[in-house]
Amino acid sequence: LMMPAYYLMVIAVIGLVTGIYMKETANLPLKGATPAASDLQEAKEILREHHDNIEQKIEDIDAEIAQLQAKRSRLVDQHPRINE
């Protein structure tokens, strides 16, 4: 009959330990969270930077795809039976 009480005490200790060791964000945005802007101009700047980052990532991915396609072509040329 006392098992639920023991479970509750164990969970309370786990919660206490978690609360003690949890990292405090100190009102900073969390990693991966969308940044908050205080006014319209700052919001536009954040969106512009985000858009530039996305464009750069797309260019990087396109370059990597081109490299992989070139590597595949070289491998196919070395072993023509692969493409049959």
PDB file of N, CA and C in Angstrom:
ATOM      1  N   LEU A   1       0.804  -1.210   0.000  1.00  0.00           N
ATOM      2  CA  LEU A   1       0.000   0.000   0.000  1.00  0.00           C
ATOM      3  C   LEU A   1       0.845   1.272   0.000  1.00  0.00           C
ATOM      4  N   MET A   2       2.094   1.159   0.392  1.00  0.00           N
ATOM      5  CA  MET A   2       2.945   2.351   0.464  1.00  0.00           C
ATOM      6  C   MET A   2       3.732   2.599  -0.823  1.00  0.00           C
ATOM      7  N   MET A   3       3.626   1.701  -1.819  1.00  0.00           N
ATOM      8  CA  MET A   3       4.431   1.834  -3.033  1.00  0.00           C
ATOM      9  C   MET A   3       4.183   3.148  -3.770  1.00  0.00           C
ATOM     10  N   PRO A   4       2.942   3.626  -3.940  1.00  0.00           N
ATOM     11  CA  PRO A   4       2.756   4.911  -4.624  1.00  0.00           C
ATOM     12  C   PRO A   4       3.491   6.056  -3.920  1.00  0.00           C
ATOM     13  N   ALA A   5       3.552   6.009  -2.609  1.00  0.00           N
ATOM     14  CA  ALA A   5       4.267   7.052  -1.871  1.00  0.00           C
ATOM     15  C   ALA A   5       5.762   6.980  -2.157  1.00  0.00           C
ATOM     16  N   TYR A   6       6.298   5.770  -2.239  1.00  0.00           N
ATOM     17  CA  TYR A   6       7.726   5.620  -2.551  1.00  0.00           C
ATOM     18  C   TYR A   6       8.018   6.094  -3.973  1.00  0.00           C
ATOM     19  N   TYR A   7       7.157   5.748  -4.911  1.00  0.00           N
ATOM     20  CA  TYR A   7       7.330   6.227  -6.286  1.00  0.00           C
ATOM     21  C   TYR A   7       7.331   7.752  -6.321  1.00  0.00           C
ATOM     22  N   LEU A   8       6.408   8.357  -5.601  1.00  0.00           N
ATOM     23  CA  LEU A   8       6.311   9.812  -5.565  1.00  0.00           C
ATOM     24  C   LEU A   8       7.574  10.433  -4.973  1.00  0.00           C
ATOM     25  N   MET A   9       8.119   9.835  -3.935  1.00  0.00           N
ATOM     26  CA  MET A   9       9.349  10.368  -3.331  1.00  0.00           C
ATOM     27  C   MET A   9      10.535  10.234  -4.285  1.00  0.00           C
ATOM     28  N   VAL A  10      10.632   9.112  -4.985  1.00  0.00           N
ATOM     29  CA  VAL A  10      11.733   8.921  -5.938  1.00  0.00           C
ATOM     30  C   VAL A  10      11.632   9.933  -7.072  1.00  0.00           C
ATOM     31  N   ILE A  11      10.454  10.122  -7.611  1.00  0.00           N
ATOM     32  CA  ILE A  11      10.255  11.088  -8.692  1.00  0.00           C
ATOM     33  C   ILE A  11      10.551  12.500  -8.202  1.00  0.00           C
ATOM     34  N   ALA A  12      10.192  12.820  -6.964  1.00  0.00           N
ATOM     35  CA  ALA A  12      10.492  14.139  -6.406  1.00  0.00           C
ATOM     36  C   ALA A  12      11.994  14.360  -6.307  1.00  0.00           C
ATOM     37  N   VAL A  13      12.733  13.347  -5.888  1.00  0.00           N
ATOM     38  CA  VAL A  13      14.195  13.464  -5.802  1.00  0.00           C
ATOM     39  C   VAL A  13      14.788  13.645  -7.197  1.00  0.00           C
ATOM     40  N   ILE A  14      14.294  12.877  -8.172  1.00  0.00           N
ATOM     41  CA  ILE A  14      14.779  13.021  -9.551  1.00  0.00           C
ATOM     42  C   ILE A  14      14.501  14.435 -10.060  1.00  0.00           C
ATOM     43  N   GLY A  15      13.318  14.955  -9.796  1.00  0.00           N
ATOM     44  CA  GLY A  15      12.982  16.320 -10.203  1.00  0.00           C
ATOM     45  C   GLY A  15      13.859  17.349  -9.523  1.00  0.00           C
ATOM     46  N   LEU A  16      14.154  17.163  -8.258  1.00  0.00           N
ATOM     47  CA  LEU A  16      15.013  18.084  -7.516  1.00  0.00           C
ATOM     48  C   LEU A  16      16.426  18.083  -8.088  1.00  0.00           C
ATOM     49  N   VAL A  17      16.966  16.901  -8.338  1.00  0.00           N
ATOM     50  CA  VAL A  17      18.319  16.801  -8.909  1.00  0.00           C
ATOM     51  C   VAL A  17      18.348  17.425 -10.308  1.00  0.00           C
ATOM     52  N   THR A  18      17.327  17.156 -11.101  1.00  0.00           N
ATOM     53  CA  THR A  18      17.255  17.743 -12.438  1.00  0.00           C
ATOM     54  C   THR A  18      17.198  19.260 -12.360  1.00  0.00           C
ATOM     55  N   GLY A  19      16.401  19.782 -11.463  1.00  0.00           N
ATOM     56  CA  GLY A  19      16.299  21.229 -11.298  1.00  0.00           C
ATOM     57  C   GLY A  19      17.603  21.867 -10.859  1.00  0.00           C
ATOM     58  N   ILE A  20      18.364  21.183 -10.040  1.00  0.00           N
ATOM     59  CA  ILE A  20      19.642  21.726  -9.560  1.00  0.00           C
ATOM     60  C   ILE A  20      20.668  21.772 -10.692  1.00  0.00           C
ATOM     61  N   TYR A  21      20.728  20.733 -11.512  1.00  0.00           N
ATOM     62  CA  TYR A  21      21.761  20.636 -12.543  1.00  0.00           C
ATOM     63  C   TYR A  21      21.345  21.187 -13.904  1.00  0.00           C
ATOM     64  N   MET A  22      20.104  21.626 -14.044  1.00  0.00           N
ATOM     65  CA  MET A  22      19.652  22.148 -15.325  1.00  0.00           C
ATOM     66  C   MET A  22      20.317  23.492 -15.607  1.00  0.00           C
ATOM     67  N   LYS A  23      20.738  23.686 -16.856  1.00  0.00           N
ATOM     68  CA  LYS A  23      21.420  24.913 -17.242  1.00  0.00           C
ATOM     69  C   LYS A  23      20.420  26.070 -17.302  1.00  0.00           C
ATOM     70  N   GLU A  24      20.785  27.191 -16.717  1.00  0.00           N
ATOM     71  CA  GLU A  24      19.946  28.386 -16.726  1.00  0.00           C
ATOM     72  C   GLU A  24      20.213  29.161 -18.009  1.00  0.00           C
ATOM     73  N   THR A  25      19.153  29.550 -18.715  1.00  0.00           N
ATOM     74  CA  THR A  25      19.338  30.276 -19.966  1.00  0.00           C
ATOM     75  C   THR A  25      19.507  31.770 -19.745  1.00  0.00           C
ATOM     76  N   ALA A  26      19.164  32.278 -18.583  1.00  0.00           N
ATOM     77  CA  ALA A  26      19.333  33.693 -18.231  1.00  0.00           C
ATOM     78  C   ALA A  26      18.718  34.615 -19.278  1.00  0.00           C
ATOM     79  N   ASN A  27      17.504  34.315 -19.689  1.00  0.00           N
ATOM     80  CA  ASN A  27      16.754  35.120 -20.648  1.00  0.00           C
ATOM     81  C   ASN A  27      17.409  35.217 -22.013  1.00  0.00           C
ATOM     82  N   LEU A  28      18.280  34.273 -22.357  1.00  0.00           N
ATOM     83  CA  LEU A  28      18.865  34.211 -23.685  1.00  0.00           C
ATOM     84  C   LEU A  28      18.049  33.227 -24.517  1.00  0.00           C
ATOM     85  N   PRO A  29      18.020  33.425 -25.840  1.00  0.00           N
ATOM     86  CA  PRO A  29      17.264  32.471 -26.650  1.00  0.00           C
ATOM     87  C   PRO A  29      17.903  31.090 -26.603  1.00  0.00           C
ATOM     88  N   LEU A  30      17.077  30.078 -26.618  1.00  0.00           N
ATOM     89  CA  LEU A  30      17.572  28.715 -26.593  1.00  0.00           C
ATOM     90  C   LEU A  30      18.178  28.358 -27.943  1.00  0.00           C
ATOM     91  N   LYS A  31      19.104  27.417 -27.924  1.00  0.00           N
ATOM     92  CA  LYS A  31      19.766  26.992 -29.152  1.00  0.00           C
ATOM     93  C   LYS A  31      18.725  26.426 -30.113  1.00  0.00           C
ATOM     94  N   GLY A  32      18.690  26.959 -31.319  1.00  0.00           N
ATOM     95  CA  GLY A  32      17.736  26.502 -32.313  1.00  0.00           C
ATOM     96  C   GLY A  32      16.414  27.247 -32.289  1.00  0.00           C
ATOM     97  N   ALA A  33      16.226  28.132 -31.316  1.00  0.00           N
ATOM     98  CA  ALA A  33      14.978  28.882 -31.221  1.00  0.00           C
ATOM     99  C   ALA A  33      15.014  30.089 -32.154  1.00  0.00           C
ATOM    100  N   THR A  34      13.845  30.495 -32.617  1.00  0.00           N
ATOM    101  CA  THR A  34      13.748  31.677 -33.457  1.00  0.00           C
ATOM    102  C   THR A  34      14.053  32.909 -32.613  1.00  0.00           C
ATOM    103  N   PRO A  35      14.955  33.776 -33.087  1.00  0.00           N
ATOM    104  CA  PRO A  35      15.292  34.962 -32.300  1.00  0.00           C
ATOM    105  C   PRO A  35      14.123  35.942 -32.228  1.00  0.00           C
ATOM    106  N   ALA A  36      14.010  36.622 -31.117  1.00  0.00           N
ATOM    107  CA  ALA A  36      12.948  37.599 -30.921  1.00  0.00           C
ATOM    108  C   ALA A  36      13.488  38.994 -31.205  1.00  0.00           C
ATOM    109  N   ALA A  37      12.675  39.830 -31.842  1.00  0.00           N
ATOM    110  CA  ALA A  37      13.075  41.196 -32.169  1.00  0.00           C
ATOM    111  C   ALA A  37      12.252  42.167 -31.338  1.00  0.00           C
ATOM    112  N   SER A  38      12.881  43.284 -30.980  1.00  0.00           N
ATOM    113  CA  SER A  38      12.181  44.272 -30.161  1.00  0.00           C
ATOM    114  C   SER A  38      11.420  45.290 -31.001  1.00  0.00           C
ATOM    115  N   ASP A  39      11.817  45.476 -32.266  1.00  0.00           N
ATOM    116  CA  ASP A  39      11.092  46.407 -33.129  1.00  0.00           C
ATOM    117  C   ASP A  39      11.092  45.880 -34.566  1.00  0.00           C
ATOM    118  N   LEU A  40      10.390  46.585 -35.441  1.00  0.00           N
ATOM    119  CA  LEU A  40      10.219  46.137 -36.815  1.00  0.00           C
ATOM    120  C   LEU A  40      11.540  46.124 -37.577  1.00  0.00           C
ATOM    121  N   GLN A  41      12.370  47.133 -37.379  1.00  0.00           N
ATOM    122  CA  GLN A  41      13.654  47.207 -38.086  1.00  0.00           C
ATOM    123  C   GLN A  41      14.559  46.028 -37.706  1.00  0.00           C
ATOM    124  N   GLU A  42      14.610  45.718 -36.431  1.00  0.00           N
ATOM    125  CA  GLU A  42      15.421  44.589 -35.978  1.00  0.00           C
ATOM    126  C   GLU A  42      14.876  43.270 -36.541  1.00  0.00           C
ATOM    127  N   ALA A  43      13.563  43.151 -36.619  1.00  0.00           N
ATOM    128  CA  ALA A  43      12.953  41.947 -37.182  1.00  0.00           C
ATOM    129  C   ALA A  43      13.320  41.792 -38.651  1.00  0.00           C
ATOM    130  N   LYS A  44      13.297  42.894 -39.393  1.00  0.00           N
ATOM    131  CA  LYS A  44      13.682  42.837 -40.805  1.00  0.00           C
ATOM    132  C   LYS A  44      15.137  42.424 -40.957  1.00  0.00           C
ATOM    133  N   GLU A  45      16.011  42.937 -40.111  1.00  0.00           N
ATOM    134  CA  GLU A  45      17.431  42.585 -40.172  1.00  0.00           C
ATOM    135  C   GLU A  45      17.636  41.100 -39.853  1.00  0.00           C
ATOM    136  N   ILE A  46      16.931  40.606 -38.850  1.00  0.00           N
ATOM    137  CA  ILE A  46      17.042  39.186 -38.495  1.00  0.00           C
ATOM    138  C   ILE A  46      16.570  38.314 -39.655  1.00  0.00           C
ATOM    139  N   LEU A  47      15.456  38.691 -40.274  1.00  0.00           N
ATOM    140  CA  LEU A  47      14.952  37.924 -41.416  1.00  0.00           C
ATOM    141  C   LEU A  47      15.924  37.970 -42.590  1.00  0.00           C
ATOM    142  N   ARG A  48      16.537  39.123 -42.828  1.00  0.00           N
ATOM    143  CA  ARG A  48      17.508  39.257 -43.913  1.00  0.00           C
ATOM    144  C   ARG A  48      18.707  38.336 -43.669  1.00  0.00           C
ATOM    145  N   GLU A  49      19.225  38.331 -42.444  1.00  0.00           N
ATOM    146  CA  GLU A  49      20.354  37.457 -42.110  1.00  0.00           C
ATOM    147  C   GLU A  49      19.963  35.982 -42.253  1.00  0.00           C
ATOM    148  N   HIS A  50      18.761  35.655 -41.793  1.00  0.00           N
ATOM    149  CA  HIS A  50      18.285  34.270 -41.888  1.00  0.00           C
ATOM    150  C   HIS A  50      18.174  33.850 -43.355  1.00  0.00           C
ATOM    151  N   HIS A  51      17.645  34.741 -44.189  1.00  0.00           N
ATOM    152  CA  HIS A  51      17.504  34.455 -45.616  1.00  0.00           C
ATOM    153  C   HIS A  51      18.877  34.260 -46.260  1.00  0.00           C
ATOM    154  N   ASP A  52      19.846  35.107 -45.898  1.00  0.00           N
ATOM    155  CA  ASP A  52      21.207  34.967 -46.433  1.00  0.00           C
ATOM    156  C   ASP A  52      21.821  33.637 -46.011  1.00  0.00           C
ATOM    157  N   ASN A  53      21.587  33.242 -44.768  1.00  0.00           N
ATOM    158  CA  ASN A  53      22.113  31.960 -44.284  1.00  0.00           C
ATOM    159  C   ASN A  53      21.510  30.790 -45.054  1.00  0.00           C
ATOM    160  N   ILE A  54      20.213  30.865 -45.321  1.00  0.00           N
ATOM    161  CA  ILE A  54      19.552  29.797 -46.069  1.00  0.00           C
ATOM    162  C   ILE A  54      20.114  29.727 -47.485  1.00  0.00           C
ATOM    163  N   GLU A  55      20.294  30.897 -48.131  1.00  0.00           N
ATOM    164  CA  GLU A  55      20.851  30.907 -49.482  1.00  0.00           C
ATOM    165  C   GLU A  55      22.250  30.306 -49.497  1.00  0.00           C
ATOM    166  N   GLN A  56      23.062  30.622 -48.489  1.00  0.00           N
ATOM    167  CA  GLN A  56      24.417  30.075 -48.416  1.00  0.00           C
ATOM    168  C   GLN A  56      24.375  28.559 -48.238  1.00  0.00           C
ATOM    169  N   LYS A  57      23.461  28.078 -47.400  1.00  0.00           N
ATOM    170  CA  LYS A  57      23.336  26.631 -47.207  1.00  0.00           C
ATOM    171  C   LYS A  57      22.918  25.941 -48.500  1.00  0.00           C
ATOM    172  N   ILE A  58      22.008  26.563 -49.253  1.00  0.00           N
ATOM    173  CA  ILE A  58      21.574  25.989 -50.527  1.00  0.00           C
ATOM    174  C   ILE A  58      22.742  25.922 -51.499  1.00  0.00           C
ATOM    175  N   GLU A  59      23.544  26.987 -51.562  1.00  0.00           N
ATOM    176  CA  GLU A  59      24.715  26.988 -52.443  1.00  0.00           C
ATOM    177  C   GLU A  59      25.703  25.902 -52.031  1.00  0.00           C
ATOM    178  N   ASP A  60      25.915  25.741 -50.737  1.00  0.00           N
ATOM    179  CA  ASP A  60      26.827  24.698 -50.251  1.00  0.00           C
ATOM    180  C   ASP A  60      26.319  23.305 -50.628  1.00  0.00           C
ATOM    181  N   ILE A  61      25.018  23.090 -50.474  1.00  0.00           N
ATOM    182  CA  ILE A  61      24.433  21.791 -50.812  1.00  0.00           C
ATOM    183  C   ILE A  61      24.540  21.538 -52.309  1.00  0.00           C
ATOM    184  N   ASP A  62      24.275  22.575 -53.130  1.00  0.00           N
ATOM    185  CA  ASP A  62      24.401  22.412 -54.579  1.00  0.00           C
ATOM    186  C   ASP A  62      25.831  22.065 -54.974  1.00  0.00           C
ATOM    187  N   ALA A  63      26.813  22.712 -54.347  1.00  0.00           N
ATOM    188  CA  ALA A  63      28.215  22.413 -54.641  1.00  0.00           C
ATOM    189  C   ALA A  63      28.551  20.980 -54.238  1.00  0.00           C
ATOM    190  N   GLU A  64      28.040  20.544 -53.104  1.00  0.00           N
ATOM    191  CA  GLU A  64      28.297  19.173 -52.653  1.00  0.00           C
ATOM    192  C   GLU A  64      27.651  18.157 -53.592  1.00  0.00           C
ATOM    193  N   ILE A  65      26.448  18.461 -54.076  1.00  0.00           N
ATOM    194  CA  ILE A  65      25.781  17.574 -55.033  1.00  0.00           C
ATOM    195  C   ILE A  65      26.595  17.480 -56.316  1.00  0.00           C
ATOM    196  N   ALA A  66      27.106  18.618 -56.795  1.00  0.00           N
ATOM    197  CA  ALA A  66      27.924  18.612 -58.011  1.00  0.00           C
ATOM    198  C   ALA A  66      29.184  17.771 -57.813  1.00  0.00           C
ATOM    199  N   GLN A  67      29.806  17.884 -56.648  1.00  0.00           N
ATOM    200  CA  GLN A  67      30.999  17.078 -56.371  1.00  0.00           C
ATOM    201  C   GLN A  67      30.659  15.590 -56.352  1.00  0.00           C
ATOM    202  N   LEU A  68      29.554  15.239 -55.737  1.00  0.00           N
ATOM    203  CA  LEU A  68      29.152  13.830 -55.675  1.00  0.00           C
ATOM    204  C   LEU A  68      28.806  13.285 -57.059  1.00  0.00           C
ATOM    205  N   GLN A  69      28.160  14.111 -57.888  1.00  0.00           N
ATOM    206  CA  GLN A  69      27.841  13.663 -59.239  1.00  0.00           C
ATOM    207  C   GLN A  69      29.112  13.457 -60.059  1.00  0.00           C
ATOM    208  N   ALA A  70      30.090  14.351 -59.895  1.00  0.00           N
ATOM    209  CA  ALA A  70      31.361  14.196 -60.602  1.00  0.00           C
ATOM    210  C   ALA A  70      32.078  12.935 -60.132  1.00  0.00           C
ATOM    211  N   LYS A  71      32.049  12.690 -58.837  1.00  0.00           N
ATOM    212  CA  LYS A  71      32.679  11.483 -58.294  1.00  0.00           C
ATOM    213  C   LYS A  71      31.988  10.233 -58.830  1.00  0.00           C
ATOM    214  N   ARG A  72      30.667  10.266 -58.903  1.00  0.00           N
ATOM    215  CA  ARG A  72      29.916   9.128 -59.441  1.00  0.00           C
ATOM    216  C   ARG A  72      30.275   8.901 -60.904  1.00  0.00           C
ATOM    217  N   SER A  73      30.379   9.977 -61.677  1.00  0.00           N
ATOM    218  CA  SER A  73      30.739   9.843 -63.090  1.00  0.00           C
ATOM    219  C   SER A  73      32.111   9.211 -63.252  1.00  0.00           C
ATOM    220  N   ARG A  74      33.062   9.632 -62.423  1.00  0.00           N
ATOM    221  CA  ARG A  74      34.406   9.048 -62.489  1.00  0.00           C
ATOM    222  C   ARG A  74      34.366   7.560 -62.151  1.00  0.00           C
ATOM    223  N   LEU A  75      33.583   7.196 -61.145  1.00  0.00           N
ATOM    224  CA  LEU A  75      33.482   5.786 -60.767  1.00  0.00           C
ATOM    225  C   LEU A  75      32.806   4.958 -61.859  1.00  0.00           C
ATOM    226  N   VAL A  76      31.787   5.521 -62.490  1.00  0.00           N
ATOM    227  CA  VAL A  76      31.103   4.812 -63.572  1.00  0.00           C
ATOM    228  C   VAL A  76      32.050   4.631 -64.748  1.00  0.00           C
ATOM    229  N   ASP A  77      32.858   5.656 -65.033  1.00  0.00           N
ATOM    230  CA  ASP A  77      33.829   5.539 -66.125  1.00  0.00           C
ATOM    231  C   ASP A  77      34.862   4.463 -65.833  1.00  0.00           C
ATOM    232  N   GLN A  78      35.231   4.300 -64.578  1.00  0.00           N
ATOM    233  CA  GLN A  78      36.204   3.273 -64.209  1.00  0.00           C
ATOM    234  C   GLN A  78      35.602   1.877 -64.299  1.00  0.00           C
ATOM    235  N   HIS A  79      34.326   1.761 -63.997  1.00  0.00           N
ATOM    236  CA  HIS A  79      33.646   0.467 -63.978  1.00  0.00           C
ATOM    237  C   HIS A  79      32.347   0.581 -64.779  1.00  0.00           C
ATOM    238  N   PRO A  80      32.417   0.442 -66.088  1.00  0.00           N
ATOM    239  CA  PRO A  80      31.225   0.648 -66.928  1.00  0.00           C
ATOM    240  C   PRO A  80      30.079  -0.316 -66.623  1.00  0.00           C
ATOM    241  N   ARG A  81      30.361  -1.456 -66.006  1.00  0.00           N
ATOM    242  CA  ARG A  81      29.292  -2.417 -65.719  1.00  0.00           C
ATOM    243  C   ARG A  81      28.304  -1.890 -64.679  1.00  0.00           C
ATOM    244  N   ILE A  82      28.698  -0.900 -63.893  1.00  0.00           N
ATOM    245  CA  ILE A  82      27.815  -0.356 -62.851  1.00  0.00           C
ATOM    246  C   ILE A  82      26.583   0.287 -63.470  1.00  0.00           C
ATOM    247  N   ASN A  83      26.751   0.927 -64.616  1.00  0.00           N
ATOM    248  CA  ASN A  83      25.666   1.704 -65.212  1.00  0.00           C
ATOM    249  C   ASN A  83      24.762   0.852 -66.107  1.00  0.00           C
ATOM    250  N   GLU A  84      24.999  -0.413 -66.255  1.00  0.00           N
ATOM    251  CA  GLU A  84      24.196  -1.261 -67.142  1.00  0.00           C
ATOM    252  C   GLU A  84      22.878  -1.641 -66.545  1.00  0.00           C
TER     253      GLU A  84
END
